[in-house]
């Protein structure tokens, strides 16, 4: 679920390689004592709440880690996640007082999206077990998240947006930052050559790709994606050969020269690289240069509005906290700076490193 307060987890956690051969049941760390990290109006947030939330969001990555590394990553993420849970509790209370409950259809849609996003090696049932949820409790959490999201949108939509004048002024002052390099969008079909197959094998590949080109040229390039899916040896075949957008210097020289010289929509001559034989179809071209204002207007608006929205939400959450009784444990609250000795004037107190 993507919410306003989704955090970026510690590098050790996000960077953990997912593996289909690892099973979380194979390596269980000793159960840690559940500790209270904070309370909001008497309702506690504990280390178990933090781990459960991390598992809801990053279960597969967490379970793919060795026990010791997993424990370290969770420990590193705990302070930030606990602060998020404090903010979440404050926002949920405000949302329940002002927002309508999400429709059942929206809850079901979100639940189905979560189920559909499960990696191939994990079932939804195992995901719930890992996160310490039942389907009923997880559905309830989805309802809360949707309620918070609606409340955040309400607050953000009330913040004045940058007007056309402000956007135009920003564009004029920062034109150079909206400069793009020449690029093309292209798809390709690759028939790999194998040195072990010798000249005969290479000749067969060349004949095969020339045959494909003849058929595609006759069809004026139509069906290129279908042919790529059926014949290309490149992983891009799953996308119909689509390589997306690329600039100069990103492809091998022979491929780049052909792609940047071809007309849009045409199937070029066979190109040989150290990978094999290619057919290239350029689907779009950008000459580069400074992009017009209309093309970057939304981007500028986001640049101008983003910081305002973040600051406004930070201030709003602070105002909610001021009205509530929030108590943080020493694990979250930094220790108070030491009091200088009475004999040392404040001006000469050594600075802390």
Protein backbone atom coordinates (compact mmCIF):
# COMPACT_ATOMS: atom_id res chain seq x y z
CA UNK A 1 0.00 0.00 0.00
CA UNK A 2 1.40 3.39 -0.92
CA UNK A 3 0.60 5.93 1.75
CA UNK A 4 1.88 9.43 2.42
CA UNK A 5 4.09 8.13 5.22
CA UNK A 6 5.72 5.15 3.49
CA UNK A 7 9.29 5.14 4.72
CA UNK A 8 12.49 4.12 3.01
CA UNK A 9 13.80 1.25 5.07
CA UNK A 10 17.42 0.85 6.09
CA UNK A 11 19.73 0.02 3.18
CA UNK A 12 20.50 -3.37 4.67
CA UNK A 13 16.83 -4.28 4.56
CA UNK A 14 15.87 -2.92 1.12
CA UNK A 15 19.07 -4.28 -0.42
CA UNK A 16 18.54 -7.82 0.84
CA UNK A 17 18.32 -10.24 -2.12
CA UNK A 18 15.08 -12.16 -2.34
CA UNK A 19 15.65 -15.86 -2.86
CA UNK A 20 13.19 -18.58 -3.62
CA UNK A 21 15.28 -21.26 -1.86
CA UNK A 22 15.32 -19.57 1.54
CA UNK A 23 12.55 -20.33 3.99
CA UNK A 24 11.95 -18.14 7.01
CA UNK A 25 10.98 -21.26 8.98
CA UNK A 26 14.53 -22.57 8.55
CA UNK A 27 16.05 -19.91 10.79
CA UNK A 28 14.09 -18.40 13.63
CA UNK A 29 15.76 -15.84 15.90
CA UNK A 30 15.11 -16.03 19.62
CA UNK A 31 11.95 -14.15 20.48
CA UNK A 32 12.83 -10.66 21.70
CA UNK A 33 11.06 -9.08 24.63
CA UNK A 34 8.23 -6.79 23.52
CA UNK A 35 9.10 -3.27 24.67
CA UNK A 36 6.99 -0.12 24.74
CA UNK A 37 8.49 2.55 22.51
CA UNK A 38 5.86 5.27 22.86
CA UNK A 39 2.25 5.90 23.82
CA UNK A 40 -0.42 8.19 22.37
CA UNK A 41 -3.16 9.12 24.83
CA UNK A 42 -2.29 5.99 26.78
CA UNK A 43 -2.26 3.61 23.79
CA UNK A 44 1.14 1.93 23.48
CA UNK A 45 3.32 1.47 20.42
CA UNK A 46 5.68 -1.45 20.95
CA UNK A 47 8.58 -3.15 19.26
CA UNK A 48 6.11 -5.84 18.15
CA UNK A 49 4.00 -3.18 16.41
CA UNK A 50 7.09 -1.94 14.59
CA UNK A 51 8.13 -5.40 13.43
CA UNK A 52 4.58 -6.24 12.34
CA UNK A 53 4.43 -3.05 10.24
CA UNK A 54 7.80 -3.77 8.68
CA UNK A 55 6.66 -7.27 7.81
CA UNK A 56 3.45 -5.99 6.24
CA UNK A 57 5.50 -3.79 3.92
CA UNK A 58 8.73 -5.70 3.40
CA UNK A 59 7.96 -9.29 4.41
CA UNK A 60 9.70 -11.08 1.50
CA UNK A 61 12.88 -8.99 1.85
CA UNK A 62 12.96 -9.46 5.61
CA UNK A 63 12.44 -13.20 5.47
CA UNK A 64 15.15 -13.62 2.83
CA UNK A 65 17.77 -12.31 5.27
CA UNK A 66 19.85 -14.38 7.70
CA UNK A 67 18.53 -14.09 11.26
CA UNK A 68 21.34 -11.90 12.60
CA UNK A 69 21.20 -9.49 9.66
CA UNK A 70 17.41 -9.39 9.87
CA UNK A 71 17.52 -8.48 13.57
CA UNK A 72 20.07 -5.72 12.90
CA UNK A 73 18.04 -4.27 10.03
CA UNK A 74 14.84 -4.21 12.09
CA UNK A 75 16.68 -2.59 14.99
CA UNK A 76 18.08 0.12 12.69
CA UNK A 77 14.65 0.80 11.19
CA UNK A 78 12.81 0.87 14.53
CA UNK A 79 13.21 4.57 15.52
CA UNK A 80 12.02 5.85 12.15
CA UNK A 81 9.18 3.36 11.94
CA UNK A 82 8.07 4.13 15.50
CA UNK A 83 7.86 7.83 14.61
CA UNK A 84 5.78 6.90 11.58
CA UNK A 85 3.43 4.86 13.74
CA UNK A 86 3.05 7.82 16.11
CA UNK A 87 2.15 10.06 13.16
CA UNK A 88 -0.17 7.37 11.81
CA UNK A 89 -2.04 7.08 15.12
CA UNK A 90 -2.49 10.85 15.30
CA UNK A 91 -3.70 11.05 11.69
CA UNK A 92 -6.04 8.09 12.10
CA UNK A 93 -7.73 9.72 15.08
CA UNK A 94 -8.19 12.95 13.10
CA UNK A 95 -9.36 11.05 10.02
CA UNK A 96 -12.00 9.11 11.96
CA UNK A 97 -13.38 12.40 13.24
CA UNK A 98 -13.64 14.07 9.82
CA UNK A 99 -13.63 11.58 6.94
CA UNK A 100 -16.19 9.14 5.62
CA UNK A 101 -15.35 5.46 5.89
CA UNK A 102 -13.93 4.03 2.65
CA UNK A 103 -16.41 2.14 0.50
CA UNK A 104 -16.37 -1.65 0.68
CA UNK A 105 -15.49 -1.75 -3.03
CA UNK A 106 -12.36 0.35 -2.44
CA UNK A 107 -11.25 -1.89 0.43
CA UNK A 108 -11.79 -5.01 -1.68
CA UNK A 109 -9.91 -3.48 -4.62
CA UNK A 110 -6.91 -2.61 -2.44
CA UNK A 111 -6.93 -6.06 -0.84
CA UNK A 112 -6.94 -7.70 -4.27
CA UNK A 113 -4.06 -5.46 -5.37
CA UNK A 114 -2.03 -6.61 -2.37
CA UNK A 115 -2.84 -10.26 -3.13
CA UNK A 116 -1.86 -9.75 -6.76
CA UNK A 117 1.49 -8.23 -5.80
CA UNK A 118 2.72 -11.31 -3.94
CA UNK A 119 6.02 -12.70 -5.30
CA UNK A 120 5.76 -16.12 -6.97
CA UNK A 121 7.36 -17.84 -3.96
CA UNK A 122 4.90 -16.49 -1.38
CA UNK A 123 1.19 -17.08 -0.89
CA UNK A 124 -1.06 -14.45 0.66
CA UNK A 125 -1.72 -16.80 3.59
CA UNK A 126 2.02 -17.08 4.29
CA UNK A 127 2.38 -13.32 3.94
CA UNK A 128 -0.32 -12.76 6.58
CA UNK A 129 1.31 -15.31 8.88
CA UNK A 130 4.70 -13.64 8.51
CA UNK A 131 3.16 -10.23 9.24
CA UNK A 132 1.24 -11.49 12.27
CA UNK A 133 -2.16 -10.79 10.72
CA UNK A 134 -5.35 -12.62 9.96
CA UNK A 135 -7.21 -11.62 6.81
CA UNK A 136 -9.77 -9.80 8.99
CA UNK A 137 -7.14 -7.78 10.87
CA UNK A 138 -5.27 -7.03 7.66
CA UNK A 139 -8.47 -5.85 5.99
CA UNK A 140 -9.11 -3.59 8.99
CA UNK A 141 -5.63 -2.13 8.58
CA UNK A 142 -6.31 -1.47 4.90
CA UNK A 143 -9.47 0.41 5.90
CA UNK A 144 -7.43 2.55 8.30
CA UNK A 145 -4.77 3.25 5.66
CA UNK A 146 -7.41 4.33 3.13
CA UNK A 147 -8.99 6.57 5.75
CA UNK A 148 -5.63 8.20 6.53
CA UNK A 149 -4.88 8.63 2.82
CA UNK A 150 -8.21 10.37 2.28
CA UNK A 151 -7.53 12.70 5.20
CA UNK A 152 -4.03 13.53 3.96
CA UNK A 153 -5.43 14.28 0.48
CA UNK A 154 -8.04 16.57 2.03
CA UNK A 155 -5.34 18.52 3.86
CA UNK A 156 -3.01 18.69 0.85
CA UNK A 157 -5.76 19.73 -1.55
CA UNK A 158 -6.49 22.69 0.71
CA UNK A 159 -2.93 24.03 0.28
CA UNK A 160 -2.76 26.70 -2.47
CA UNK A 161 -0.99 25.39 -5.57
CA UNK A 162 1.65 27.27 -7.52
CA UNK A 163 -0.06 29.48 -10.11
CA UNK A 164 0.93 29.90 -13.76
CA UNK A 165 2.94 33.05 -13.00
CA UNK A 166 5.07 31.31 -10.35
CA UNK A 167 5.60 28.33 -12.65
CA UNK A 168 6.63 30.56 -15.57
CA UNK A 169 9.05 32.54 -13.38
CA UNK A 170 10.66 29.34 -12.10
CA UNK A 171 10.98 28.06 -15.68
CA UNK A 172 12.69 31.26 -16.89
CA UNK A 173 15.17 31.21 -14.01
CA UNK A 174 15.99 27.52 -14.42
CA UNK A 175 15.69 26.89 -18.15
CA UNK A 176 19.02 25.10 -18.40
CA UNK A 177 17.88 22.45 -15.93
CA UNK A 178 15.15 21.43 -18.39
CA UNK A 179 17.60 20.59 -21.16
CA UNK A 180 17.39 17.07 -22.56
CA UNK A 181 19.85 15.14 -24.70
CA UNK A 182 19.05 13.58 -28.05
CA UNK A 183 17.35 10.23 -27.54
CA UNK A 184 15.33 7.57 -29.30
CA UNK A 185 12.73 5.02 -28.28
CA UNK A 186 13.30 1.73 -30.01
CA UNK A 187 12.42 -1.95 -30.06
CA UNK A 188 14.64 -4.71 -31.36
CA UNK A 189 14.80 -8.37 -32.23
CA UNK A 190 18.02 -10.20 -31.38
CA UNK A 191 19.17 -13.55 -32.71
CA UNK A 192 22.20 -14.46 -30.62
CA UNK A 193 25.27 -15.96 -32.25
CA UNK A 194 27.35 -18.61 -30.51
CA UNK A 195 31.09 -18.81 -31.15
CA UNK A 196 30.89 -22.57 -30.61
CA UNK A 197 28.53 -22.85 -33.59
CA UNK A 198 31.17 -21.37 -35.89
CA UNK A 199 30.60 -19.61 -39.20
CA UNK A 200 27.88 -22.04 -40.21
CA UNK A 201 25.84 -21.22 -37.11
CA UNK A 202 26.30 -17.48 -37.67
CA UNK A 203 25.22 -17.83 -41.31
CA UNK A 204 22.06 -19.63 -40.25
CA UNK A 205 21.21 -16.87 -37.77
CA UNK A 206 21.84 -14.22 -40.41
CA UNK A 207 19.59 -15.99 -42.90
CA UNK A 208 16.87 -16.34 -40.27
CA UNK A 209 16.90 -12.68 -39.28
CA UNK A 210 16.99 -11.53 -42.91
CA UNK A 211 13.88 -13.62 -43.49
CA UNK A 212 12.17 -11.95 -40.50
CA UNK A 213 13.16 -8.52 -41.84
CA UNK A 214 11.70 -9.27 -45.28
CA UNK A 215 8.39 -10.21 -43.67
CA UNK A 216 8.34 -7.15 -41.41
CA UNK A 217 9.24 -4.72 -44.19
CA UNK A 218 6.44 -6.19 -46.31
CA UNK A 219 4.09 -5.58 -43.37
CA UNK A 220 5.48 -2.03 -42.99
CA UNK A 221 6.67 -2.83 -39.48
CA UNK A 222 3.30 -4.01 -38.23
CA UNK A 223 3.50 -6.93 -35.81
CA UNK A 224 7.10 -6.19 -34.79
CA UNK A 225 6.25 -6.77 -31.13
CA UNK A 226 4.66 -10.14 -31.89
CA UNK A 227 7.70 -11.28 -33.89
CA UNK A 228 10.00 -10.11 -31.08
CA UNK A 229 8.05 -12.13 -28.51
CA UNK A 230 8.24 -15.24 -30.68
CA UNK A 231 11.83 -15.05 -31.95
CA UNK A 232 14.04 -12.60 -30.02
CA UNK A 233 16.75 -13.98 -27.73
CA UNK A 234 16.82 -10.79 -25.65
CA UNK A 235 14.92 -10.54 -22.32
CA UNK A 236 13.17 -7.53 -23.85
CA UNK A 237 11.19 -10.04 -25.93
CA UNK A 238 8.70 -10.22 -23.05
CA UNK A 239 7.92 -6.55 -23.78
CA UNK A 240 7.72 -7.06 -27.53
CA UNK A 241 11.36 -6.02 -27.89
CA UNK A 242 10.76 -2.60 -26.32
CA UNK A 243 14.02 -1.06 -25.02
CA UNK A 244 12.41 2.19 -23.90
CA UNK A 245 14.25 5.49 -24.33
CA UNK A 246 18.04 5.76 -24.52
CA UNK A 247 20.60 8.39 -25.38
CA UNK A 248 23.96 8.28 -27.06
CA UNK A 249 26.62 6.28 -25.28
CA UNK A 250 24.19 3.80 -23.74
CA UNK A 251 24.32 1.11 -26.46
CA UNK A 252 27.18 -0.61 -28.27
CA UNK A 253 28.46 1.58 -31.15
CA UNK A 254 27.00 -0.47 -34.02
CA UNK A 255 23.55 -0.53 -32.43
CA UNK A 256 23.66 3.17 -31.53
CA UNK A 257 24.71 4.25 -35.03
CA UNK A 258 21.81 2.35 -36.60
CA UNK A 259 19.19 3.47 -34.07
CA UNK A 260 20.06 7.16 -34.32
CA UNK A 261 20.15 7.12 -38.12
CA UNK A 262 16.90 5.24 -38.79
CA UNK A 263 13.58 6.88 -39.60
CA UNK A 264 10.80 6.53 -37.06
CA UNK A 265 8.51 3.58 -37.77
CA UNK A 266 10.81 1.77 -40.18
CA UNK A 267 12.57 -1.57 -39.72
CA UNK A 268 16.25 -1.00 -40.41
CA UNK A 269 18.89 -3.17 -42.02
CA UNK A 270 20.29 -6.09 -40.05
CA UNK A 271 22.86 -4.88 -37.53
CA UNK A 272 25.68 -7.11 -36.25
CA UNK A 273 27.12 -6.62 -32.76
CA UNK A 274 29.09 -8.87 -30.43
CA UNK A 275 25.71 -10.12 -29.14
CA UNK A 276 24.47 -11.33 -32.50
CA UNK A 277 22.18 -9.99 -35.24
CA UNK A 278 19.59 -7.28 -34.57
CA UNK A 279 16.56 -5.77 -36.25
CA UNK A 280 15.74 -2.31 -34.91
CA UNK A 281 12.51 -0.36 -35.11
CA UNK A 282 12.68 3.23 -33.86
CA UNK A 283 9.33 4.23 -32.41
CA UNK A 284 10.06 7.83 -31.35
CA UNK A 285 12.84 10.38 -31.47
CA UNK A 286 13.74 13.45 -29.41
CA UNK A 287 16.27 15.95 -30.77
CA UNK A 288 17.06 17.25 -27.30
CA UNK A 289 17.43 20.86 -26.24
CA UNK A 290 15.44 22.95 -23.78
CA UNK A 291 11.98 21.52 -23.25
CA UNK A 292 9.05 23.92 -23.74
CA UNK A 293 7.24 25.23 -20.66
CA UNK A 294 4.05 23.29 -21.39
CA UNK A 295 5.94 20.00 -21.36
CA UNK A 296 7.53 20.59 -17.94
CA UNK A 297 4.71 22.55 -16.31
CA UNK A 298 3.53 19.65 -14.17
CA UNK A 299 7.08 18.81 -13.14
CA UNK A 300 7.69 22.41 -12.01
CA UNK A 301 4.38 22.47 -10.17
CA UNK A 302 5.45 19.38 -8.22
CA UNK A 303 8.82 20.94 -7.45
CA UNK A 304 7.18 24.08 -6.11
CA UNK A 305 4.26 22.44 -4.33
CA UNK A 306 6.08 19.43 -2.86
CA UNK A 307 8.06 21.25 -0.14
CA UNK A 308 5.02 23.33 0.81
CA UNK A 309 2.91 20.22 1.18
CA UNK A 310 5.55 18.41 3.22
CA UNK A 311 6.04 21.35 5.55
CA UNK A 312 2.29 21.84 5.94
CA UNK A 313 1.78 18.15 6.80
CA UNK A 314 4.69 18.23 9.23
CA UNK A 315 3.17 21.26 10.94
CA UNK A 316 -0.25 19.62 10.97
CA UNK A 317 1.03 16.46 12.61
CA UNK A 318 2.90 18.59 15.15
CA UNK A 319 -0.37 20.38 15.94
CA UNK A 320 -2.11 17.02 16.44
CA UNK A 321 0.69 15.90 18.74
CA UNK A 322 0.44 19.12 20.76
CA UNK A 323 -3.21 18.32 21.45
CA UNK A 324 -2.50 14.72 22.43
CA UNK A 325 -0.44 13.14 25.17
CA UNK A 326 2.53 11.58 23.40
CA UNK A 327 5.21 9.91 25.50
CA UNK A 328 8.39 8.54 23.92
CA UNK A 329 10.74 6.09 25.55
CA UNK A 330 14.45 6.79 25.89
CA UNK A 331 15.01 4.64 22.78
CA UNK A 332 13.24 7.28 20.69
CA UNK A 333 13.96 10.48 22.60
CA UNK A 334 17.58 11.64 22.31
CA UNK A 335 19.27 12.18 25.68
CA UNK A 336 19.28 15.76 26.97
CA UNK A 337 22.58 17.61 26.45
CA UNK A 338 24.79 17.66 29.54
CA UNK A 339 24.48 20.71 31.78
CA UNK A 340 27.78 22.65 31.84
CA UNK A 341 29.44 23.10 35.24
CA UNK A 342 28.37 26.27 37.05
CA UNK A 343 31.97 27.50 37.11
CA UNK A 344 32.24 27.48 33.31
CA UNK A 345 30.60 30.43 31.54
CA UNK A 346 28.26 29.34 28.69
CA UNK A 347 30.36 31.16 26.09
CA UNK A 348 33.38 28.97 26.85
CA UNK A 349 31.53 25.64 27.08
CA UNK A 350 33.30 23.21 24.71
CA UNK A 351 31.16 22.12 21.76
CA UNK A 352 30.20 18.48 21.45
CA UNK A 353 31.58 16.55 18.50
